[in-house]
Amino acid sequence: MTTYSDRPWLSLYREGTPADITPEFTTMLDLFRASVAGRPDAVAVKYFDGALTFADLDERSDALAVALAEHGFGAGDRLAIYVQNNPAFVVGLIAAWKAGGSAVAVNPMNKQRELTYLLADSGATALLCLEELYQTVAREVIASGDTRVATVVTCSALDDQSRDDERLFSGVQKARPQGTLDLQSLFEQYAERRPEPVTPSAEDVAILTYTSGTTGVPKGAMNTHGNIAFNAQTYRDWMGLGSDDAVLGVAPLFHITGLVGHVGLALLAGCPLVLAHRFEPHVVMDAIREHRPTFTVGSITVFISLSGVQGATKDDWSSFRMIYSGGAPIAPAVTEQFEEKTGLYIHNIYGLTETNSPSHAVPLGVRAPVDPGSGALSVGVPTFNTVVRILDEEGNEASVGEVGEIAIAGPQVVPRYWNKPEATEQSLPGGELRTGDVGFMDRNGWFFIVDRKKDMINAAGYKVWPREVEDVMYGHPAVREVAVVGVPDEYRGETVKAYVSLKPGVTIGEEELIDYAKGQMAAYKYPRSIEFLDELPKTTTGKILRRELRSRST
C-alpha cells in the first residue's frame, strides 16, 4: 500500500509538497458562488464568437432554476442534460443545483432505447435537450410514458454563437418544438428572478454519470458535490492553474473528464472554458488559434487527430502550458510523435467515472517512465489524499512490481451506484473501488496499467495483454491507431489479431507489419493477422471499442 508519508515520487513533484490537501470547497455550488463573487465580469465560457461571464452564468442559471421550480422541479429531483458541448450544459448543471436537485449526464449520441433506459433508471423529472435531439430521439421517448419526465426545456446549438460554422451546423435551424419550453425564452421571462436559496452538503449527489455498460447495463455513478469539488481542486493544484489560464473543452462534458477536468476546473479557477459544440478536428484547431487556451485534458485519440490536421504548426500549439491525456492507454511512441509535431509533452493521467476523473497523474514537468519489461508508459503517481493498492487474485496486497487489480480509495471515489446495491458491494466494497484494471507499482511509486482484466488473451496457455502489443505496433511510422483483440483459434484456443488504421497517404502490407511486430516480441504475442480499417470504432470520449472489434471476429 502507498501511504502519504513514504512516497518516493514526492521529490519528483515539488520540494516539500505534501501528499494531502485540505479542500477549499466542499460543494460545487459554493465553488461556483465564490468565483461569481470574486470575478463576476471575467469570461466563464467562450463559444465560437460568443462569450458568457460568470455573472451571465449566474443570472441564466438563476432563471432556469426558477423556471424549473415553477414547473414542479423540487429538492432531490433530477434534471437530465442531453446536449453537446454547449454553454447550455453548464447553465443546466448549475441550475439543477440551485433548484435543490441534481443532474443526469446523457450522451448526445444515445438513441431511443438508451435514452429511455437512462431517464427511467435515474427517475429524472425534467429534461434539457438540444432541439434537434428532441425532434429525432427524445420526442418519442417522452411520448411513450416510460419515464417520469414532466418538463422538457429545449435549446439550440446556435443560441450563443455569432458565427454559423457550416462544418458543424449545416442545416441546423432554431425552431422551438411544440410542447417544450424554450431555454432562451426562459432567460428573458425569468430575468432577475432568484431561486429560493439552497445549501447542498458534500454528501449530496451533484450528478449521475453512467458507466459504459461493458459488463451489463449502464450503472449510474453517484458523483457527489464533495467528490467533484475535491477533484476540481486536484486538477487546479496539481497542474498549477489559475484565473489567467483558459481550458479547452475537447472531452465531452457528459463524460467525467469533461465534467471535472473542464467544467469543474474552470468554475473553480475562475478562467474561461472554450467550447466548440462537438469534436471536429479542424473546428477545434480553429478554436485553439482563436482563443489560445493554456490547458486541456482528453483522450489520446483526440490528440492524434488534432496533430494530424493539415496546415497545423507548432505555433498553433504555443499557447498551451500543459496537456494531459487519459481515458485510454498511451503508447510511448505516440507521445514522442506528438511532441515532435507540436513541441508539447503529453502528461499521462488516469482515473475512472467512479473516481471523478484523476486518481493518478504524472507530475507537471516530469516525464513518465517506461517500464522496461512491458514497454508501458506510466500513468503517474497517486494524486492528493489517494490510497492505491494492487491486489492479487485472492484479494491480498501484491508486492512491489507484482501485477494485480488496481484498487483505489480517497475523497474522489463515489459512495455507490444509483439503485444498484449488488453492483456497489461488488465494485465498491467498504468504499474502495475495484477498478477492473490490471497493473503494478514499481519501487519508486510509479503506477503502470497492463490492461483490463477482461481483455487478457489466453493463447495456448500464455497470457497476452493487448496493451503491450499495441504499444509495440504504435512504434511503426505507418500506424495511426491500433487495437488488439483475442480471436478464436482451433489450435491455440485464442490468438492475437490487430485492427489498424494507417496514417494518411501511407500504405503497408499485412505481412510487413506482422514481421515488424514479430521482431520485437515473444512468438506467442505478435499478431497472427491484421485487418486494416479507415477508422477504428470509438466511444464519444475517443476510447477505442475493443468489444466491437471482437464481435467482428467471432
Protein backbone atom coordinates (compact mmCIF):
# COMPACT_ATOMS: atom_id res chain seq x y z
CA MET A 1 0.00 0.00 0.00
CA THR A 2 1.22 3.50 -0.75
CA THR A 3 0.97 5.90 2.15
CA TYR A 4 1.05 9.65 2.50
CA SER A 5 4.38 9.69 4.28
CA ASP A 6 6.63 7.37 2.29
CA ARG A 7 6.07 8.06 -1.39
CA PRO A 8 9.44 8.22 -3.17
CA TRP A 9 7.88 10.13 -6.08
CA LEU A 10 7.21 13.23 -3.95
CA SER A 11 10.71 14.51 -4.63
CA LEU A 12 9.87 14.36 -8.34
CA TYR A 13 6.95 16.72 -7.93
CA ARG A 14 7.75 19.77 -5.83
CA GLU A 15 10.15 20.05 -2.96
CA GLY A 16 8.16 19.92 0.23
CA THR A 17 4.76 19.45 -1.40
CA PRO A 18 2.56 17.37 0.91
CA ALA A 19 0.59 14.44 -0.43
CA ASP A 20 -2.50 15.74 1.34
CA ILE A 21 -4.59 18.79 0.53
CA THR A 22 -7.45 20.25 2.51
CA PRO A 23 -10.37 21.02 0.21
CA GLU A 24 -11.08 24.72 -0.15
CA PHE A 25 -14.70 23.99 -1.10
CA THR A 26 -16.92 21.05 -0.20
CA THR A 27 -19.71 21.62 -2.73
CA MET A 28 -19.79 22.65 -6.37
CA LEU A 29 -22.37 25.33 -5.68
CA ASP A 30 -20.13 27.02 -3.08
CA LEU A 31 -17.25 26.77 -5.53
CA PHE A 32 -19.25 28.47 -8.28
CA ARG A 33 -20.63 31.17 -5.99
CA ALA A 34 -17.10 32.07 -4.87
CA SER A 35 -15.99 32.58 -8.49
CA VAL A 36 -19.06 34.71 -9.21
CA ALA A 37 -18.37 36.86 -6.17
CA GLY A 38 -14.67 37.22 -6.93
CA ARG A 39 -14.73 37.56 -10.74
CA PRO A 40 -18.26 38.43 -11.91
CA ASP A 41 -17.13 40.17 -15.11
CA ALA A 42 -14.49 37.60 -16.09
CA VAL A 43 -15.27 35.37 -19.07
CA ALA A 44 -16.53 31.96 -17.97
CA VAL A 45 -17.40 30.33 -21.32
CA LYS A 46 -16.19 31.02 -24.86
CA TYR A 47 -18.30 29.51 -27.63
CA PHE A 48 -17.23 30.43 -31.16
CA ASP A 49 -17.63 34.25 -31.24
CA GLY A 50 -19.86 34.34 -28.16
CA ALA A 51 -18.87 34.64 -24.51
CA LEU A 52 -20.58 34.39 -21.13
CA THR A 53 -19.20 35.98 -17.98
CA PHE A 54 -19.53 34.41 -14.54
CA ALA A 55 -22.29 36.94 -13.83
CA ASP A 56 -24.05 35.81 -17.02
CA LEU A 57 -23.83 32.17 -15.93
CA ASP A 58 -25.20 33.12 -12.53
CA GLU A 59 -28.15 35.03 -13.98
CA ARG A 60 -29.01 32.40 -16.59
CA SER A 61 -28.80 29.52 -14.14
CA ASP A 62 -30.96 31.51 -11.70
CA ALA A 63 -33.60 31.98 -14.39
CA LEU A 64 -33.61 28.31 -15.35
CA ALA A 65 -33.72 27.21 -11.69
CA VAL A 66 -36.78 29.42 -11.06
CA ALA A 67 -38.47 28.13 -14.22
CA LEU A 68 -37.84 24.52 -13.24
CA ALA A 69 -39.23 25.13 -9.75
CA GLU A 70 -42.38 26.73 -11.14
CA HIS A 71 -42.89 23.65 -13.31
CA GLY A 72 -42.67 21.24 -10.39
CA PHE A 73 -38.95 20.53 -10.06
CA GLY A 74 -38.11 20.28 -6.36
CA ALA A 75 -35.47 19.26 -3.86
CA GLY A 76 -33.92 15.92 -4.70
CA ASP A 77 -35.26 15.86 -8.26
CA ARG A 78 -33.05 15.19 -11.27
CA LEU A 79 -32.58 17.20 -14.47
CA ALA A 80 -31.29 15.13 -17.40
CA ILE A 81 -28.97 17.12 -19.70
CA TYR A 82 -28.93 15.87 -23.29
CA VAL A 83 -26.80 18.35 -25.23
CA GLN A 84 -23.39 18.61 -26.86
CA ASN A 85 -20.50 20.75 -25.56
CA ASN A 86 -22.68 23.86 -25.45
CA PRO A 87 -22.99 26.63 -22.84
CA ALA A 88 -26.43 25.18 -22.07
CA PHE A 89 -24.74 22.20 -20.40
CA VAL A 90 -23.01 24.43 -17.86
CA VAL A 91 -26.13 26.53 -17.28
CA GLY A 92 -28.28 23.43 -16.79
CA LEU A 93 -25.85 21.84 -14.39
CA ILE A 94 -25.72 24.88 -12.10
CA ALA A 95 -29.49 25.44 -12.37
CA ALA A 96 -30.20 21.88 -11.19
CA TRP A 97 -28.09 22.52 -8.09
CA LYS A 98 -29.70 25.89 -7.43
CA ALA A 99 -33.15 24.29 -7.66
CA GLY A 100 -32.15 21.83 -4.93
CA GLY A 101 -31.66 18.86 -7.21
CA SER A 102 -29.00 17.11 -9.22
CA ALA A 103 -28.22 16.47 -12.88
CA VAL A 104 -28.07 13.37 -15.06
CA ALA A 105 -25.42 13.43 -17.79
CA VAL A 106 -26.69 11.94 -21.06
CA ASN A 107 -24.52 11.04 -24.02
CA PRO A 108 -25.82 13.05 -27.01
CA MET A 109 -25.13 10.02 -29.21
CA ASN A 110 -27.71 7.95 -27.30
CA LYS A 111 -30.71 6.74 -29.27
CA GLN A 112 -34.24 5.98 -28.09
CA ARG A 113 -33.53 2.70 -26.30
CA GLU A 114 -30.53 4.12 -24.46
CA LEU A 115 -32.21 7.41 -23.58
CA THR A 116 -35.30 5.59 -22.29
CA TYR A 117 -33.15 3.46 -20.01
CA LEU A 118 -31.20 6.41 -18.55
CA LEU A 119 -34.27 8.56 -17.97
CA ALA A 120 -36.23 5.69 -16.41
CA ASP A 121 -33.34 4.41 -14.29
CA SER A 122 -32.42 7.86 -12.96
CA GLY A 123 -36.02 8.88 -12.35
CA ALA A 124 -35.35 12.26 -13.98
CA THR A 125 -38.41 14.55 -13.89
CA ALA A 126 -37.04 17.22 -16.25
CA LEU A 127 -35.01 17.17 -19.45
CA LEU A 128 -32.79 19.86 -21.00
CA CYS A 129 -32.34 18.86 -24.63
CA LEU A 130 -30.99 20.15 -27.92
CA GLU A 131 -33.87 20.86 -30.30
CA GLU A 132 -32.52 18.50 -32.94
CA LEU A 133 -32.14 15.69 -30.39
CA TYR A 134 -35.66 16.25 -29.15
CA GLN A 135 -37.06 16.07 -32.66
CA THR A 136 -35.10 12.97 -33.70
CA VAL A 137 -34.89 11.00 -30.43
CA ALA A 138 -36.41 12.40 -27.24
CA ARG A 139 -39.90 13.27 -28.51
CA GLU A 140 -40.94 9.64 -28.89
CA VAL A 141 -39.25 8.64 -25.64
CA ILE A 142 -41.21 11.25 -23.67
CA ALA A 143 -44.45 10.43 -25.52
CA SER A 144 -44.08 6.74 -24.66
CA GLY A 145 -44.79 7.40 -20.99
CA ASP A 146 -41.95 5.09 -19.96
CA THR A 147 -40.20 7.83 -17.96
CA ARG A 148 -41.10 10.33 -15.24
CA VAL A 149 -40.09 13.36 -17.30
CA ALA A 150 -42.79 16.04 -16.97
CA THR A 151 -40.88 19.13 -18.13
CA VAL A 152 -38.80 19.45 -21.29
CA VAL A 153 -36.63 22.50 -21.97
CA THR A 154 -35.15 22.69 -25.46
CA CYS A 155 -32.24 24.78 -26.68
CA SER A 156 -30.45 25.42 -29.94
CA ALA A 157 -26.79 24.87 -30.63
CA LEU A 158 -26.91 28.33 -32.23
CA ASP A 159 -28.20 30.23 -29.18
CA ASP A 160 -24.89 31.69 -28.04
CA GLN A 161 -22.86 31.89 -31.20
CA SER A 162 -22.50 34.78 -33.60
CA ARG A 163 -20.77 32.80 -36.35
CA ASP A 164 -22.57 29.95 -38.10
CA ASP A 165 -19.97 27.25 -38.77
CA GLU A 166 -21.13 25.10 -41.69
CA ARG A 167 -18.77 22.31 -40.66
CA LEU A 168 -20.95 21.67 -37.60
CA PHE A 169 -24.29 23.36 -38.16
CA SER A 170 -25.15 22.78 -41.78
CA GLY A 171 -28.94 22.56 -41.96
CA VAL A 172 -29.47 23.37 -38.27
CA GLN A 173 -32.28 25.85 -37.72
CA LYS A 174 -33.66 27.21 -34.49
CA ALA A 175 -37.26 26.05 -34.14
CA ARG A 176 -38.92 25.60 -30.76
CA PRO A 177 -40.61 22.16 -30.70
CA GLN A 178 -44.25 22.16 -29.67
CA GLY A 179 -44.90 21.13 -26.08
CA THR A 180 -41.47 22.19 -24.81
CA LEU A 181 -40.11 25.24 -23.02
CA ASP A 182 -37.55 27.32 -24.90
CA LEU A 183 -34.36 27.95 -22.92
CA GLN A 184 -33.64 31.35 -24.45
CA SER A 185 -37.21 32.48 -23.73
CA LEU A 186 -36.86 31.34 -20.12
CA PHE A 187 -33.78 33.53 -19.72
CA GLU A 188 -35.88 36.51 -20.78
CA GLN A 189 -39.06 35.54 -18.94
CA TYR A 190 -37.34 34.90 -15.60
CA ALA A 191 -34.65 37.58 -15.84
CA GLU A 192 -33.65 38.98 -12.44
CA ARG A 193 -35.63 36.26 -10.63
CA ARG A 194 -33.75 34.36 -7.94
CA PRO A 195 -34.49 30.82 -6.74
CA GLU A 196 -35.00 30.02 -3.09
CA PRO A 197 -31.51 29.64 -1.61
CA VAL A 198 -30.31 26.07 -1.10
CA THR A 199 -27.28 24.70 0.69
CA PRO A 200 -26.31 21.24 -0.52
CA SER A 201 -23.92 19.13 1.51
CA ALA A 202 -20.74 17.43 0.34
CA GLU A 203 -22.56 14.08 0.51
CA ASP A 204 -25.41 15.16 -1.76
CA VAL A 205 -25.37 13.86 -5.32
CA ALA A 206 -24.35 16.57 -7.80
CA ILE A 207 -24.67 14.48 -10.96
CA LEU A 208 -25.30 10.92 -12.05
CA THR A 209 -22.81 9.77 -14.68
CA TYR A 210 -23.46 6.43 -16.31
CA THR A 211 -20.78 3.85 -16.93
CA SER A 212 -20.42 2.49 -20.44
CA GLY A 213 -22.11 -0.79 -19.56
CA THR A 214 -19.39 -3.07 -20.96
CA THR A 215 -20.28 -5.82 -18.47
CA GLY A 216 -24.06 -5.34 -18.29
CA VAL A 217 -26.50 -2.44 -18.19
CA PRO A 218 -25.01 1.01 -17.51
CA LYS A 219 -24.72 1.93 -13.85
CA GLY A 220 -25.29 5.44 -12.52
CA ALA A 221 -22.26 6.55 -10.52
CA MET A 222 -23.42 8.88 -7.74
CA ASN A 223 -20.89 11.69 -8.10
CA THR A 224 -21.31 13.85 -5.02
CA HIS A 225 -20.62 17.54 -4.58
CA GLY A 226 -17.68 16.62 -2.38
CA ASN A 227 -16.26 14.18 -4.95
CA ILE A 228 -16.31 16.69 -7.80
CA ALA A 229 -15.22 19.71 -5.76
CA PHE A 230 -12.24 17.76 -4.42
CA ASN A 231 -11.02 16.63 -7.83
CA ALA A 232 -11.61 20.02 -9.42
CA GLN A 233 -9.16 21.28 -6.80
CA THR A 234 -6.82 18.38 -7.59
CA TYR A 235 -6.71 19.48 -11.23
CA ARG A 236 -6.12 23.10 -10.26
CA ASP A 237 -3.37 22.44 -7.73
CA TRP A 238 -1.65 19.53 -9.46
CA MET A 239 -1.35 21.43 -12.73
CA GLY A 240 -0.90 24.87 -11.15
CA LEU A 241 -3.85 26.53 -12.93
CA GLY A 242 -5.29 29.94 -12.15
CA SER A 243 -7.54 32.70 -13.44
CA ASP A 244 -5.05 33.65 -16.17
CA ASP A 245 -5.41 30.24 -17.81
CA ALA A 246 -8.01 29.01 -20.31
CA VAL A 247 -9.33 25.44 -20.53
CA LEU A 248 -10.01 23.85 -23.91
CA GLY A 249 -13.03 21.54 -23.71
CA VAL A 250 -12.13 18.65 -26.01
CA ALA A 251 -13.68 15.90 -23.86
CA PRO A 252 -17.48 15.53 -23.95
CA LEU A 253 -18.98 17.40 -21.00
CA PHE A 254 -21.28 14.48 -20.18
CA HIS A 255 -18.15 12.38 -19.55
CA ILE A 256 -16.39 12.57 -16.19
CA THR A 257 -13.24 14.09 -17.75
CA GLY A 258 -15.21 16.91 -19.32
CA LEU A 259 -17.35 17.37 -16.25
CA VAL A 260 -14.49 17.68 -13.76
CA GLY A 261 -11.40 18.46 -15.87
CA HIS A 262 -13.21 21.09 -17.94
CA VAL A 263 -16.34 22.44 -16.20
CA GLY A 264 -15.39 21.91 -12.55
CA LEU A 265 -11.83 23.11 -13.08
CA ALA A 266 -12.81 26.28 -14.98
CA LEU A 267 -15.52 27.19 -12.46
CA LEU A 268 -13.05 26.77 -9.60
CA ALA A 269 -10.10 28.54 -11.22
CA GLY A 270 -12.29 31.39 -12.46
CA CYS A 271 -10.95 31.04 -16.00
CA PRO A 272 -12.60 30.66 -19.43
CA LEU A 273 -13.83 27.31 -20.70
CA VAL A 274 -13.53 27.12 -24.51
CA LEU A 275 -16.29 25.03 -26.13
CA ALA A 276 -16.90 24.09 -29.78
CA HIS A 277 -20.17 22.07 -29.74
CA ARG A 278 -18.55 18.72 -30.53
CA PHE A 279 -15.16 17.41 -31.55
CA GLU A 280 -14.34 18.13 -35.18
CA PRO A 281 -10.55 18.41 -35.57
CA HIS A 282 -10.46 21.43 -37.89
CA VAL A 283 -13.06 23.32 -35.83
CA VAL A 284 -11.17 22.64 -32.60
CA MET A 285 -7.88 23.69 -34.20
CA ASP A 286 -9.51 26.98 -35.23
CA ALA A 287 -10.71 27.43 -31.64
CA ILE A 288 -7.14 26.89 -30.42
CA ARG A 289 -5.85 29.52 -32.82
CA GLU A 290 -8.57 32.00 -31.87
CA HIS A 291 -8.88 31.58 -28.09
CA ARG A 292 -5.30 30.49 -27.21
CA PRO A 293 -6.07 28.02 -24.39
CA THR A 294 -3.35 27.04 -21.94
CA PHE A 295 -4.59 23.66 -20.71
CA THR A 296 -6.62 20.68 -21.81
CA VAL A 297 -7.14 17.03 -20.97
CA GLY A 298 -8.59 14.43 -23.32
CA SER A 299 -8.16 11.02 -24.86
CA ILE A 300 -5.03 10.26 -26.83
CA THR A 301 -7.11 9.70 -29.99
CA VAL A 302 -8.15 13.37 -29.81
CA PHE A 303 -4.53 14.50 -29.80
CA ILE A 304 -3.57 12.08 -32.57
CA SER A 305 -6.37 13.57 -34.65
CA LEU A 306 -5.51 17.20 -33.87
CA SER A 307 -1.81 16.72 -34.58
CA GLY A 308 -2.74 15.37 -37.99
CA VAL A 309 -4.73 18.45 -39.06
CA GLN A 310 -3.27 19.67 -42.33
CA GLY A 311 -1.58 23.04 -42.01
CA ALA A 312 -1.26 22.93 -38.21
CA THR A 313 2.08 24.22 -36.91
CA LYS A 314 3.93 24.29 -33.62
CA ASP A 315 2.98 27.95 -33.31
CA ASP A 316 -0.69 26.94 -33.23
CA TRP A 317 0.06 24.96 -30.06
CA SER A 318 2.29 27.58 -28.45
CA SER A 319 -0.35 28.94 -26.06
CA PHE A 320 -0.50 25.66 -24.13
CA ARG A 321 1.47 25.38 -20.90
CA MET A 322 0.49 21.74 -20.45
CA ILE A 323 -1.54 18.92 -21.95
CA TYR A 324 -2.78 15.84 -20.12
CA SER A 325 -4.29 12.72 -21.61
CA GLY A 326 -6.27 9.89 -20.07
CA GLY A 327 -9.16 7.54 -20.70
CA ALA A 328 -7.20 5.25 -23.00
CA PRO A 329 -3.68 3.77 -23.00
CA ILE A 330 -0.89 5.87 -24.47
CA ALA A 331 1.99 4.26 -26.31
CA PRO A 332 5.39 5.88 -25.69
CA ALA A 333 5.87 6.22 -29.46
CA VAL A 334 2.71 8.33 -29.70
CA THR A 335 3.91 10.82 -27.10
CA GLU A 336 7.18 11.15 -29.00
CA GLN A 337 5.42 11.73 -32.32
CA PHE A 338 3.08 14.31 -30.78
CA GLU A 339 5.94 16.19 -29.17
CA GLU A 340 7.83 16.26 -32.45
CA LYS A 341 4.82 17.83 -34.22
CA THR A 342 3.65 20.24 -31.51
CA GLY A 343 6.58 20.82 -29.16
CA LEU A 344 4.43 19.64 -26.24
CA TYR A 345 4.92 16.66 -23.96
CA ILE A 346 1.71 14.80 -23.13
CA HIS A 347 1.44 14.13 -19.40
CA ASN A 348 -0.43 10.93 -18.57
CA ILE A 349 -3.42 10.89 -16.23
CA TYR A 350 -5.58 8.03 -15.01
CA GLY A 351 -9.00 7.75 -13.44
CA LEU A 352 -12.48 6.37 -13.89
CA THR A 353 -16.07 7.57 -13.73
CA GLU A 354 -16.14 6.25 -10.18
CA THR A 355 -13.07 8.32 -9.18
CA ASN A 356 -14.41 11.57 -10.65
CA SER A 357 -11.50 11.68 -13.10
CA PRO A 358 -7.96 11.60 -11.68
CA SER A 359 -6.69 9.15 -9.13
CA HIS A 360 -3.20 9.15 -10.71
CA ALA A 361 -1.30 11.72 -12.74
CA VAL A 362 2.21 12.43 -13.94
CA PRO A 363 3.60 15.42 -12.00
CA LEU A 364 3.78 18.57 -14.08
CA GLY A 365 7.14 18.97 -15.78
CA VAL A 366 8.14 15.35 -15.18
CA ARG A 367 8.39 12.71 -17.89
CA ALA A 368 6.69 9.43 -17.12
CA PRO A 369 8.99 6.42 -17.06
CA VAL A 370 8.55 3.49 -19.43
CA ASP A 371 8.54 0.02 -17.90
CA PRO A 372 11.46 -1.86 -19.46
CA GLY A 373 9.66 -5.19 -19.27
CA SER A 374 6.30 -4.41 -20.84
CA GLY A 375 7.12 -1.16 -22.64
CA ALA A 376 4.14 0.51 -20.91
CA LEU A 377 4.17 4.23 -20.15
CA SER A 378 3.41 5.03 -16.52
CA VAL A 379 0.02 6.58 -15.78
CA GLY A 380 1.63 8.56 -12.98
CA VAL A 381 1.50 8.53 -9.21
CA PRO A 382 -1.47 8.73 -6.84
CA THR A 383 -2.93 12.22 -6.59
CA PHE A 384 -3.65 14.04 -3.35
CA ASN A 385 -5.23 12.12 -0.44
CA THR A 386 -5.43 8.94 -2.50
CA VAL A 387 -4.53 5.43 -1.34
CA VAL A 388 -3.93 2.81 -4.02
CA ARG A 389 -3.44 -0.92 -3.59
CA ILE A 390 -2.52 -3.69 -6.03
CA LEU A 391 -4.50 -6.85 -5.24
CA ASP A 392 -3.64 -10.39 -6.32
CA GLU A 393 -6.21 -12.95 -7.44
CA GLU A 394 -7.02 -13.82 -3.81
CA GLY A 395 -7.60 -10.18 -2.91
CA ASN A 396 -4.36 -9.81 -0.95
CA GLU A 397 -1.96 -6.90 -1.37
CA ALA A 398 0.62 -7.65 -4.02
CA SER A 399 4.30 -6.96 -3.67
CA VAL A 400 6.08 -4.12 -5.43
CA GLY A 401 6.34 -4.95 -9.13
CA GLU A 402 3.72 -7.70 -8.93
CA VAL A 403 0.77 -7.46 -11.32
CA GLY A 404 -2.75 -7.34 -9.92
CA GLU A 405 -6.02 -5.43 -9.85
CA ILE A 406 -5.83 -1.73 -9.00
CA ALA A 407 -7.97 -0.70 -6.02
CA ILE A 408 -8.46 2.96 -5.10
CA ALA A 409 -9.71 4.77 -2.00
CA GLY A 410 -9.94 8.51 -1.48
CA PRO A 411 -12.28 11.51 -1.29
CA GLN A 412 -12.87 11.39 -5.05
CA VAL A 413 -14.33 7.85 -5.04
CA VAL A 414 -18.13 7.72 -5.39
CA PRO A 415 -20.02 6.24 -2.45
CA ARG A 416 -22.23 3.88 -4.51
CA TYR A 417 -24.17 3.24 -7.71
CA TRP A 418 -27.69 4.53 -8.15
CA ASN A 419 -30.21 1.83 -7.11
CA LYS A 420 -27.61 -0.91 -7.64
CA PRO A 421 -26.72 -2.32 -4.17
CA GLU A 422 -25.27 -5.56 -5.54
CA ALA A 423 -23.03 -3.76 -8.02
CA THR A 424 -21.98 -1.37 -5.24
CA GLU A 425 -20.99 -4.24 -2.99
CA GLN A 426 -19.06 -5.94 -5.79
CA SER A 427 -17.16 -2.91 -7.12
CA LEU A 428 -17.02 -0.63 -4.07
CA PRO A 429 -16.61 -2.91 -1.03
CA GLY A 430 -16.03 -0.77 2.02
CA GLY A 431 -15.80 2.34 -0.16
CA GLU A 432 -12.70 1.14 -2.03
CA LEU A 433 -13.08 0.94 -5.82
CA ARG A 434 -12.07 -2.31 -7.50
CA THR A 435 -11.25 -0.86 -10.92
CA GLY A 436 -11.07 -3.96 -13.10
CA ASP A 437 -7.78 -2.60 -14.44
CA VAL A 438 -4.66 -4.70 -14.08
CA GLY A 439 -1.37 -3.04 -13.28
CA PHE A 440 1.55 -2.74 -10.88
CA MET A 441 3.60 -0.24 -8.89
CA ASP A 442 7.36 -0.06 -9.28
CA ARG A 443 9.79 0.53 -6.41
CA ASN A 444 9.70 4.31 -6.97
CA GLY A 445 5.94 4.56 -6.62
CA TRP A 446 5.09 4.88 -10.32
CA PHE A 447 1.98 3.01 -11.46
CA PHE A 448 1.61 1.15 -14.75
CA ILE A 449 -1.59 -0.17 -16.35
CA VAL A 450 -1.18 -3.53 -18.02
CA ASP A 451 -4.74 -3.84 -19.36
CA ARG A 452 -8.37 -4.53 -18.49
CA LYS A 453 -8.86 -7.89 -16.78
CA LYS A 454 -11.49 -8.93 -19.31
CA ASP A 455 -9.28 -8.09 -22.31
CA MET A 456 -6.50 -10.57 -21.49
CA ILE A 457 -5.86 -13.05 -24.32
CA ASN A 458 -5.10 -16.69 -23.47
CA ALA A 459 -3.00 -18.01 -26.36
CA ALA A 460 -2.21 -21.70 -25.76
CA GLY A 461 -1.94 -21.02 -22.04
CA TYR A 462 0.18 -17.89 -22.39
CA LYS A 463 -1.18 -14.56 -21.17
CA VAL A 464 -1.09 -11.81 -23.78
CA TRP A 465 -2.04 -8.29 -22.77
CA PRO A 466 -3.32 -6.34 -25.81
CA ARG A 467 -1.86 -3.11 -24.47
CA GLU A 468 1.73 -4.40 -24.81
CA VAL A 469 1.20 -5.49 -28.43
CA GLU A 470 -0.47 -2.17 -29.27
CA ASP A 471 2.40 -0.18 -27.78
CA VAL A 472 4.88 -2.03 -29.97
CA MET A 473 2.84 -1.53 -33.12
CA TYR A 474 2.41 2.19 -32.48
CA GLY A 475 6.15 2.39 -32.98
CA HIS A 476 5.77 1.71 -36.71
CA PRO A 477 5.68 5.00 -38.65
CA ALA A 478 2.73 3.87 -40.78
CA VAL A 479 0.38 3.16 -37.87
CA ARG A 480 -2.11 5.84 -36.83
CA GLU A 481 -4.28 3.77 -34.48
CA VAL A 482 -4.25 0.13 -33.45
CA ALA A 483 -6.35 -2.18 -31.30
CA VAL A 484 -5.55 -5.78 -30.44
CA VAL A 485 -8.09 -8.46 -29.53
CA GLY A 486 -8.21 -12.17 -28.99
CA VAL A 487 -9.99 -14.26 -31.63
CA PRO A 488 -10.94 -17.97 -31.61
CA ASP A 489 -8.26 -20.37 -32.86
CA GLU A 490 -8.66 -24.14 -33.21
CA TYR A 491 -5.07 -24.90 -32.22
CA ARG A 492 -4.23 -22.19 -29.63
CA GLY A 493 -7.74 -21.58 -28.23
CA GLU A 494 -7.24 -17.89 -28.79
CA THR A 495 -4.82 -16.00 -30.93
CA VAL A 496 -3.87 -12.38 -31.42
CA LYS A 497 -5.45 -10.17 -34.07
CA ALA A 498 -4.73 -6.48 -34.71
CA TYR A 499 -7.00 -3.87 -36.26
CA VAL A 500 -5.04 -0.99 -37.72
CA SER A 501 -5.79 2.39 -39.27
CA LEU A 502 -2.93 3.91 -41.23
CA LYS A 503 -1.71 7.46 -41.42
CA PRO A 504 -2.98 9.44 -44.43
CA GLY A 505 -1.18 8.67 -47.68
CA VAL A 506 0.68 5.66 -46.26
CA THR A 507 0.38 2.05 -47.45
CA ILE A 508 1.83 -1.11 -45.96
CA GLY A 509 1.09 -4.83 -46.34
CA GLU A 510 -0.19 -7.15 -43.63
CA GLU A 511 2.87 -9.39 -43.69
CA GLU A 512 5.27 -6.46 -43.43
CA LEU A 513 3.52 -5.14 -40.34
CA ILE A 514 3.32 -8.62 -38.77
CA ASP A 515 7.05 -9.05 -39.35
CA TYR A 516 7.68 -5.72 -37.62
CA ALA A 517 5.82 -6.88 -34.52
CA LYS A 518 7.31 -10.36 -34.68
CA GLY A 519 10.81 -8.91 -34.48
CA GLN A 520 10.08 -7.11 -31.20
CA MET A 521 8.17 -9.55 -29.02
CA ALA A 522 7.88 -13.16 -27.97
CA ALA A 523 6.45 -15.58 -30.51
CA TYR A 524 3.15 -16.09 -28.65
CA LYS A 525 2.45 -12.32 -28.53
CA TYR A 526 2.74 -10.96 -32.04
CA PRO A 527 -0.48 -10.71 -34.14
CA ARG A 528 -1.18 -13.60 -36.49
CA SER A 529 -3.49 -11.45 -38.61
CA ILE A 530 -4.10 -7.77 -39.25
CA GLU A 531 -7.22 -6.11 -40.62
CA PHE A 532 -6.97 -2.57 -41.93
CA LEU A 533 -9.83 -0.14 -41.26
CA ASP A 534 -10.23 3.50 -42.22
CA GLU A 535 -11.39 4.27 -38.67
CA LEU A 536 -11.45 2.16 -35.52
CA PRO A 537 -14.74 2.20 -33.59
CA LYS A 538 -14.64 4.53 -30.60
CA THR A 539 -16.74 5.85 -27.77
CA THR A 540 -17.63 9.55 -27.83
CA THR A 541 -14.71 10.11 -25.48
CA GLY A 542 -12.28 8.66 -28.00
CA LYS A 543 -11.69 5.29 -26.35
CA ILE A 544 -11.28 2.50 -28.90
CA LEU A 545 -14.02 -0.13 -28.57
CA ARG A 546 -12.28 -3.48 -28.44
CA ARG A 547 -15.58 -5.24 -27.78
CA GLU A 548 -16.93 -4.16 -31.18
CA LEU A 549 -13.78 -5.40 -32.85
CA ARG A 550 -14.04 -8.73 -31.02
CA SER A 551 -17.62 -9.12 -32.28
CA ARG A 552 -16.37 -8.68 -35.87
CA SER A 553 -14.04 -11.63 -35.42
CA THR A 554 -16.47 -14.19 -33.98
